[in-house]
């Protein structure tokens, strides 16, 4: 369990790219991936791909990020 003084947990996903403007992106952990993806798409994200434990989205500027099935409280996969 994360301490109270650490209210937000970030997962920085390193990408397998040798060069380019972005070689890592944030992963969002959620207990309800479908609902979270719908919320992001409604806010302007584009659905890129759906995988077993994560969904890839692109922000309005085209930068990729993922919404995952990890538990946001502990960071573990469900």
PDB file of N, CA and C in Angstrom:
ATOM      1  N   UNK A   1       0.853  -1.183   0.000  1.00  0.00           N
ATOM      2  CA  UNK A   1       0.000   0.000   0.000  1.00  0.00           C
ATOM      3  C   UNK A   1       0.891   1.236   0.000  1.00  0.00           C
ATOM      4  N   UNK A   2       0.514   2.230  -0.784  1.00  0.00           N
ATOM      5  CA  UNK A   2       1.324   3.436  -0.844  1.00  0.00           C
ATOM      6  C   UNK A   2       1.062   4.320   0.367  1.00  0.00           C
ATOM      7  N   UNK A   3       2.073   5.046   0.793  1.00  0.00           N
ATOM      8  CA  UNK A   3       1.905   5.924   1.951  1.00  0.00           C
ATOM      9  C   UNK A   3       1.018   7.121   1.621  1.00  0.00           C
ATOM     10  N   UNK A   4       0.350   7.713   2.619  1.00  0.00           N
ATOM     11  CA  UNK A   4      -0.540   8.847   2.383  1.00  0.00           C
ATOM     12  C   UNK A   4       0.157  10.051   1.754  1.00  0.00           C
ATOM     13  N   UNK A   5       1.459  10.202   1.997  1.00  0.00           N
ATOM     14  CA  UNK A   5       2.170  11.345   1.420  1.00  0.00           C
ATOM     15  C   UNK A   5       2.513  11.120  -0.059  1.00  0.00           C
ATOM     16  N   UNK A   6       2.164   9.968  -0.599  1.00  0.00           N
ATOM     17  CA  UNK A   6       2.377   9.670  -2.024  1.00  0.00           C
ATOM     18  C   UNK A   6       1.014   9.370  -2.653  1.00  0.00           C
ATOM     19  N   UNK A   7       0.212  10.424  -2.932  1.00  0.00           N
ATOM     20  CA  UNK A   7      -1.169  10.212  -3.366  1.00  0.00           C
ATOM     21  C   UNK A   7      -1.333   9.736  -4.798  1.00  0.00           C
ATOM     22  N   UNK A   8      -0.294   9.842  -5.625  1.00  0.00           N
ATOM     23  CA  UNK A   8      -0.405   9.447  -7.026  1.00  0.00           C
ATOM     24  C   UNK A   8       0.712   8.456  -7.347  1.00  0.00           C
ATOM     25  N   UNK A   9       0.372   7.413  -8.084  1.00  0.00           N
ATOM     26  CA  UNK A   9       1.368   6.425  -8.506  1.00  0.00           C
ATOM     27  C   UNK A   9       1.525   6.534 -10.023  1.00  0.00           C
ATOM     28  N   UNK A  10       2.758   6.701 -10.495  1.00  0.00           N
ATOM     29  CA  UNK A  10       3.043   6.778 -11.926  1.00  0.00           C
ATOM     30  C   UNK A  10       3.798   5.535 -12.358  1.00  0.00           C
ATOM     31  N   UNK A  11       3.458   5.011 -13.516  1.00  0.00           N
ATOM     32  CA  UNK A  11       4.241   3.956 -14.139  1.00  0.00           C
ATOM     33  C   UNK A  11       4.735   4.515 -15.457  1.00  0.00           C
ATOM     34  N   UNK A  12       6.033   4.596 -15.609  1.00  0.00           N
ATOM     35  CA  UNK A  12       6.635   5.089 -16.833  1.00  0.00           C
ATOM     36  C   UNK A  12       7.053   3.873 -17.655  1.00  0.00           C
ATOM     37  N   UNK A  13       6.401   3.676 -18.781  1.00  0.00           N
ATOM     38  CA  UNK A  13       6.648   2.536 -19.661  1.00  0.00           C
ATOM     39  C   UNK A  13       7.728   2.900 -20.662  1.00  0.00           C
ATOM     40  N   UNK A  14       8.889   2.250 -20.572  1.00  0.00           N
ATOM     41  CA  UNK A  14       9.958   2.489 -21.534  1.00  0.00           C
ATOM     42  C   UNK A  14       9.603   1.785 -22.836  1.00  0.00           C
ATOM     43  N   UNK A  15       9.777   2.491 -23.941  1.00  0.00           N
ATOM     44  CA  UNK A  15       9.474   1.938 -25.250  1.00  0.00           C
ATOM     45  C   UNK A  15      10.734   1.358 -25.862  1.00  0.00           C
ATOM     46  N   UNK A  16      10.587   0.396 -26.725  1.00  0.00           N
ATOM     47  CA  UNK A  16      11.740  -0.238 -27.369  1.00  0.00           C
ATOM     48  C   UNK A  16      12.123   0.516 -28.641  1.00  0.00           C
ATOM     49  N   UNK A  17      12.462   1.794 -28.475  1.00  0.00           N
ATOM     50  CA  UNK A  17      12.847   2.635 -29.601  1.00  0.00           C
ATOM     51  C   UNK A  17      14.201   3.260 -29.307  1.00  0.00           C
ATOM     52  N   UNK A  18      15.083   3.201 -30.284  1.00  0.00           N
ATOM     53  CA  UNK A  18      16.441   3.736 -30.112  1.00  0.00           C
ATOM     54  C   UNK A  18      16.512   5.243 -30.247  1.00  0.00           C
ATOM     55  N   UNK A  19      15.547   5.842 -30.952  1.00  0.00           N
ATOM     56  CA  UNK A  19      15.570   7.283 -31.144  1.00  0.00           C
ATOM     57  C   UNK A  19      14.143   7.781 -31.307  1.00  0.00           C
ATOM     58  N   UNK A  20      14.015   9.082 -31.382  1.00  0.00           N
ATOM     59  CA  UNK A  20      12.702   9.682 -31.550  1.00  0.00           C
ATOM     60  C   UNK A  20      12.390  10.632 -30.417  1.00  0.00           C
ATOM     61  N   UNK A  21      11.361  11.436 -30.579  1.00  0.00           N
ATOM     62  CA  UNK A  21      11.036  12.439 -29.572  1.00  0.00           C
ATOM     63  C   UNK A  21      10.499  11.858 -28.270  1.00  0.00           C
ATOM     64  N   UNK A  22       9.899  10.659 -28.340  1.00  0.00           N
ATOM     65  CA  UNK A  22       9.335  10.038 -27.138  1.00  0.00           C
ATOM     66  C   UNK A  22       9.804   8.587 -27.078  1.00  0.00           C
ATOM     67  N   UNK A  23      10.465   8.220 -25.980  1.00  0.00           N
ATOM     68  CA  UNK A  23      10.911   6.838 -25.823  1.00  0.00           C
ATOM     69  C   UNK A  23      10.325   6.190 -24.584  1.00  0.00           C
ATOM     70  N   UNK A  24       9.342   6.867 -23.998  1.00  0.00           N
ATOM     71  CA  UNK A  24       8.626   6.328 -22.837  1.00  0.00           C
ATOM     72  C   UNK A  24       7.260   6.995 -22.787  1.00  0.00           C
ATOM     73  N   UNK A  25       6.321   6.348 -22.119  1.00  0.00           N
ATOM     74  CA  UNK A  25       5.019   6.980 -21.918  1.00  0.00           C
ATOM     75  C   UNK A  25       4.427   6.542 -20.592  1.00  0.00           C
ATOM     76  N   UNK A  26       3.445   7.286 -20.143  1.00  0.00           N
ATOM     77  CA  UNK A  26       2.772   6.961 -18.890  1.00  0.00           C
ATOM     78  C   UNK A  26       1.747   5.866 -19.103  1.00  0.00           C
ATOM     79  N   UNK A  27       1.605   5.006 -18.109  1.00  0.00           N
ATOM     80  CA  UNK A  27       0.523   4.037 -18.059  1.00  0.00           C
ATOM     81  C   UNK A  27      -0.407   4.440 -16.925  1.00  0.00           C
ATOM     82  N   UNK A  28      -1.710   4.435 -17.195  1.00  0.00           N
ATOM     83  CA  UNK A  28      -2.729   4.740 -16.196  1.00  0.00           C
ATOM     84  C   UNK A  28      -3.270   3.429 -15.646  1.00  0.00           C
ATOM     85  N   UNK A  29      -3.253   3.243 -14.349  1.00  0.00           N
ATOM     86  CA  UNK A  29      -3.809   2.051 -13.710  1.00  0.00           C
ATOM     87  C   UNK A  29      -5.269   2.316 -13.349  1.00  0.00           C
ATOM     88  N   UNK A  30      -6.110   1.295 -13.510  1.00  0.00           N
ATOM     89  CA  UNK A  30      -7.529   1.457 -13.206  1.00  0.00           C
ATOM     90  C   UNK A  30      -8.158   0.119 -12.853  1.00  0.00           C
ATOM     91  N   UNK A  31      -9.195   0.161 -12.060  1.00  0.00           N
ATOM     92  CA  UNK A  31      -9.943  -1.050 -11.722  1.00  0.00           C
ATOM     93  C   UNK A  31     -11.052  -1.329 -12.728  1.00  0.00           C
ATOM     94  N   UNK A  32     -11.365  -0.356 -13.598  1.00  0.00           N
ATOM     95  CA  UNK A  32     -12.401  -0.527 -14.614  1.00  0.00           C
ATOM     96  C   UNK A  32     -11.880   0.059 -15.919  1.00  0.00           C
ATOM     97  N   UNK A  33     -11.111  -0.746 -16.640  1.00  0.00           N
ATOM     98  CA  UNK A  33     -10.437  -0.252 -17.842  1.00  0.00           C
ATOM     99  C   UNK A  33     -11.419   0.237 -18.896  1.00  0.00           C
ATOM    100  N   UNK A  34     -12.501  -0.505 -19.137  1.00  0.00           N
ATOM    101  CA  UNK A  34     -13.468  -0.087 -20.160  1.00  0.00           C
ATOM    102  C   UNK A  34     -14.039   1.302 -19.870  1.00  0.00           C
ATOM    103  N   UNK A  35     -14.434   1.535 -18.627  1.00  0.00           N
ATOM    104  CA  UNK A  35     -14.993   2.837 -18.262  1.00  0.00           C
ATOM    105  C   UNK A  35     -13.937   3.940 -18.379  1.00  0.00           C
ATOM    106  N   UNK A  36     -12.721   3.630 -17.964  1.00  0.00           N
ATOM    107  CA  UNK A  36     -11.650   4.634 -18.035  1.00  0.00           C
ATOM    108  C   UNK A  36     -11.314   4.973 -19.484  1.00  0.00           C
ATOM    109  N   UNK A  37     -11.274   3.975 -20.352  1.00  0.00           N
ATOM    110  CA  UNK A  37     -11.010   4.214 -21.768  1.00  0.00           C
ATOM    111  C   UNK A  37     -12.116   5.072 -22.369  1.00  0.00           C
ATOM    112  N   UNK A  38     -13.359   4.775 -22.048  1.00  0.00           N
ATOM    113  CA  UNK A  38     -14.471   5.598 -22.552  1.00  0.00           C
ATOM    114  C   UNK A  38     -14.319   7.050 -22.095  1.00  0.00           C
ATOM    115  N   UNK A  39     -13.898   7.250 -20.855  1.00  0.00           N
ATOM    116  CA  UNK A  39     -13.703   8.605 -20.326  1.00  0.00           C
ATOM    117  C   UNK A  39     -12.603   9.333 -21.094  1.00  0.00           C
ATOM    118  N   UNK A  40     -11.509   8.646 -21.377  1.00  0.00           N
ATOM    119  CA  UNK A  40     -10.403   9.259 -22.117  1.00  0.00           C
ATOM    120  C   UNK A  40     -10.809   9.577 -23.551  1.00  0.00           C
ATOM    121  N   UNK A  41     -11.517   8.656 -24.200  1.00  0.00           N
ATOM    122  CA  UNK A  41     -11.969   8.892 -25.576  1.00  0.00           C
ATOM    123  C   UNK A  41     -12.935  10.077 -25.614  1.00  0.00           C
ATOM    124  N   UNK A  42     -13.829  10.158 -24.640  1.00  0.00           N
ATOM    125  CA  UNK A  42     -14.759  11.293 -24.573  1.00  0.00           C
ATOM    126  C   UNK A  42     -14.018  12.614 -24.379  1.00  0.00           C
ATOM    127  N   UNK A  43     -12.845  12.555 -23.754  1.00  0.00           N
ATOM    128  CA  UNK A  43     -12.047  13.766 -23.522  1.00  0.00           C
ATOM    129  C   UNK A  43     -11.130  14.094 -24.699  1.00  0.00           C
ATOM    130  N   UNK A  44     -11.153  13.259 -25.763  1.00  0.00           N
ATOM    131  CA  UNK A  44     -10.381  13.586 -26.953  1.00  0.00           C
ATOM    132  C   UNK A  44      -9.291  12.607 -27.341  1.00  0.00           C
ATOM    133  N   UNK A  45      -9.104  11.543 -26.559  1.00  0.00           N
ATOM    134  CA  UNK A  45      -8.094  10.537 -26.916  1.00  0.00           C
ATOM    135  C   UNK A  45      -8.607   9.674 -28.065  1.00  0.00           C
ATOM    136  N   UNK A  46      -7.679   9.070 -28.782  1.00  0.00           N
ATOM    137  CA  UNK A  46      -8.025   8.170 -29.879  1.00  0.00           C
ATOM    138  C   UNK A  46      -7.645   6.748 -29.486  1.00  0.00           C
ATOM    139  N   UNK A  47      -8.540   5.802 -29.712  1.00  0.00           N
ATOM    140  CA  UNK A  47      -8.269   4.402 -29.441  1.00  0.00           C
ATOM    141  C   UNK A  47      -7.303   3.874 -30.493  1.00  0.00           C
ATOM    142  N   UNK A  48      -6.169   3.298 -30.036  1.00  0.00           N
ATOM    143  CA  UNK A  48      -5.155   2.788 -30.945  1.00  0.00           C
ATOM    144  C   UNK A  48      -5.193   1.261 -31.001  1.00  0.00           C
ATOM    145  N   UNK A  49      -5.315   0.607 -29.838  1.00  0.00           N
ATOM    146  CA  UNK A  49      -5.329  -0.854 -29.816  1.00  0.00           C
ATOM    147  C   UNK A  49      -5.725  -1.389 -28.463  1.00  0.00           C
ATOM    148  N   UNK A  50      -6.349  -2.565 -28.481  1.00  0.00           N
ATOM    149  CA  UNK A  50      -6.784  -3.216 -27.245  1.00  0.00           C
ATOM    150  C   UNK A  50      -6.021  -4.531 -27.096  1.00  0.00           C
ATOM    151  N   UNK A  51      -5.433  -4.734 -25.929  1.00  0.00           N
ATOM    152  CA  UNK A  51      -4.681  -5.944 -25.611  1.00  0.00           C
ATOM    153  C   UNK A  51      -5.313  -6.597 -24.389  1.00  0.00           C
ATOM    154  N   UNK A  52      -4.800  -7.753 -24.006  1.00  0.00           N
ATOM    155  CA  UNK A  52      -5.412  -8.503 -22.910  1.00  0.00           C
ATOM    156  C   UNK A  52      -5.454  -7.720 -21.598  1.00  0.00           C
ATOM    157  N   UNK A  53      -4.379  -7.019 -21.245  1.00  0.00           N
ATOM    158  CA  UNK A  53      -4.328  -6.323 -19.955  1.00  0.00           C
ATOM    159  C   UNK A  53      -4.144  -4.814 -20.071  1.00  0.00           C
ATOM    160  N   UNK A  54      -4.153  -4.272 -21.278  1.00  0.00           N
ATOM    161  CA  UNK A  54      -4.011  -2.831 -21.445  1.00  0.00           C
ATOM    162  C   UNK A  54      -4.640  -2.388 -22.755  1.00  0.00           C
ATOM    163  N   UNK A  55      -4.940  -1.088 -22.818  1.00  0.00           N
ATOM    164  CA  UNK A  55      -5.458  -0.459 -24.025  1.00  0.00           C
ATOM    165  C   UNK A  55      -4.548   0.710 -24.373  1.00  0.00           C
ATOM    166  N   UNK A  56      -4.162   0.790 -25.634  1.00  0.00           N
ATOM    167  CA  UNK A  56      -3.304   1.877 -26.101  1.00  0.00           C
ATOM    168  C   UNK A  56      -4.191   2.989 -26.653  1.00  0.00           C
ATOM    169  N   UNK A  57      -3.929   4.197 -26.195  1.00  0.00           N
ATOM    170  CA  UNK A  57      -4.633   5.390 -26.657  1.00  0.00           C
ATOM    171  C   UNK A  57      -3.605   6.398 -27.151  1.00  0.00           C
ATOM    172  N   UNK A  58      -4.061   7.380 -27.893  1.00  0.00           N
ATOM    173  CA  UNK A  58      -3.205   8.499 -28.290  1.00  0.00           C
ATOM    174  C   UNK A  58      -3.879   9.775 -27.817  1.00  0.00           C
ATOM    175  N   UNK A  59      -3.107  10.653 -27.214  1.00  0.00           N
ATOM    176  CA  UNK A  59      -3.662  11.927 -26.776  1.00  0.00           C
ATOM    177  C   UNK A  59      -3.949  12.796 -28.000  1.00  0.00           C
ATOM    178  N   UNK A  60      -4.612  13.937 -27.848  1.00  0.00           N
ATOM    179  CA  UNK A  60      -4.947  14.778 -29.004  1.00  0.00           C
ATOM    180  C   UNK A  60      -3.732  15.233 -29.830  1.00  0.00           C
ATOM    181  N   UNK A  61      -2.526  15.167 -29.254  1.00  0.00           N
ATOM    182  CA  UNK A  61      -1.310  15.511 -30.001  1.00  0.00           C
ATOM    183  C   UNK A  61      -0.672  14.293 -30.655  1.00  0.00           C
ATOM    184  N   UNK A  62      -1.291  13.118 -30.497  1.00  0.00           N
ATOM    185  CA  UNK A  62      -0.786  11.904 -31.118  1.00  0.00           C
ATOM    186  C   UNK A  62       0.188  11.099 -30.294  1.00  0.00           C
ATOM    187  N   UNK A  63       0.430  11.494 -29.054  1.00  0.00           N
ATOM    188  CA  UNK A  63       1.367  10.757 -28.200  1.00  0.00           C
ATOM    189  C   UNK A  63       0.647   9.575 -27.551  1.00  0.00           C
ATOM    190  N   UNK A  64       1.249   8.401 -27.658  1.00  0.00           N
ATOM    191  CA  UNK A  64       0.634   7.176 -27.131  1.00  0.00           C
ATOM    192  C   UNK A  64       0.780   7.071 -25.620  1.00  0.00           C
ATOM    193  N   UNK A  65      -0.189   6.422 -25.008  1.00  0.00           N
ATOM    194  CA  UNK A  65      -0.143   6.046 -23.595  1.00  0.00           C
ATOM    195  C   UNK A  65      -1.078   4.868 -23.414  1.00  0.00           C
ATOM    196  N   UNK A  66      -1.020   4.217 -22.248  1.00  0.00           N
ATOM    197  CA  UNK A  66      -1.846   3.035 -22.018  1.00  0.00           C
ATOM    198  C   UNK A  66      -2.711   3.192 -20.774  1.00  0.00           C
ATOM    199  N   UNK A  67      -3.864   2.546 -20.809  1.00  0.00           N
ATOM    200  CA  UNK A  67      -4.714   2.362 -19.639  1.00  0.00           C
ATOM    201  C   UNK A  67      -4.627   0.873 -19.333  1.00  0.00           C
ATOM    202  N   UNK A  68      -4.234   0.541 -18.106  1.00  0.00           N
ATOM    203  CA  UNK A  68      -3.959  -0.855 -17.754  1.00  0.00           C
ATOM    204  C   UNK A  68      -4.921  -1.377 -16.697  1.00  0.00           C
ATOM    205  N   UNK A  69      -4.921  -2.696 -16.560  1.00  0.00           N
ATOM    206  CA  UNK A  69      -5.720  -3.355 -15.524  1.00  0.00           C
ATOM    207  C   UNK A  69      -5.007  -3.416 -14.183  1.00  0.00           C
ATOM    208  N   UNK A  70      -3.905  -2.713 -14.035  1.00  0.00           N
ATOM    209  CA  UNK A  70      -3.200  -2.732 -12.740  1.00  0.00           C
ATOM    210  C   UNK A  70      -4.042  -2.034 -11.672  1.00  0.00           C
ATOM    211  N   UNK A  71      -3.957  -2.519 -10.474  1.00  0.00           N
ATOM    212  CA  UNK A  71      -4.656  -1.921  -9.343  1.00  0.00           C
ATOM    213  C   UNK A  71      -3.961  -0.599  -8.999  1.00  0.00           C
ATOM    214  N   UNK A  72      -4.658   0.532  -9.083  1.00  0.00           N
ATOM    215  CA  UNK A  72      -4.004   1.825  -8.821  1.00  0.00           C
ATOM    216  C   UNK A  72      -3.534   1.990  -7.376  1.00  0.00           C
ATOM    217  N   UNK A  73      -4.102   1.244  -6.446  1.00  0.00           N
ATOM    218  CA  UNK A  73      -3.697   1.380  -5.045  1.00  0.00           C
ATOM    219  C   UNK A  73      -2.373   0.690  -4.757  1.00  0.00           C
ATOM    220  N   UNK A  74      -2.111  -0.421  -5.419  1.00  0.00           N
ATOM    221  CA  UNK A  74      -0.905  -1.180  -5.119  1.00  0.00           C
ATOM    222  C   UNK A  74       0.000  -1.414  -6.308  1.00  0.00           C
ATOM    223  N   UNK A  75      -0.489  -1.147  -7.516  1.00  0.00           N
ATOM    224  CA  UNK A  75       0.312  -1.295  -8.722  1.00  0.00           C
ATOM    225  C   UNK A  75       0.382  -2.705  -9.271  1.00  0.00           C
ATOM    226  N   UNK A  76      -0.259  -3.652  -8.617  1.00  0.00           N
ATOM    227  CA  UNK A  76      -0.200  -5.052  -9.067  1.00  0.00           C
ATOM    228  C   UNK A  76      -1.223  -5.328 -10.160  1.00  0.00           C
ATOM    229  N   UNK A  77      -0.897  -6.272 -11.018  1.00  0.00           N
ATOM    230  CA  UNK A  77      -1.835  -6.695 -12.057  1.00  0.00           C
ATOM    231  C   UNK A  77      -2.954  -7.501 -11.417  1.00  0.00           C
ATOM    232  N   UNK A  78      -4.160  -7.331 -11.977  1.00  0.00           N
ATOM    233  CA  UNK A  78      -5.311  -8.041 -11.431  1.00  0.00           C
ATOM    234  C   UNK A  78      -5.522  -9.348 -11.979  1.00  0.00           C
TER     235      UNK A  78
END
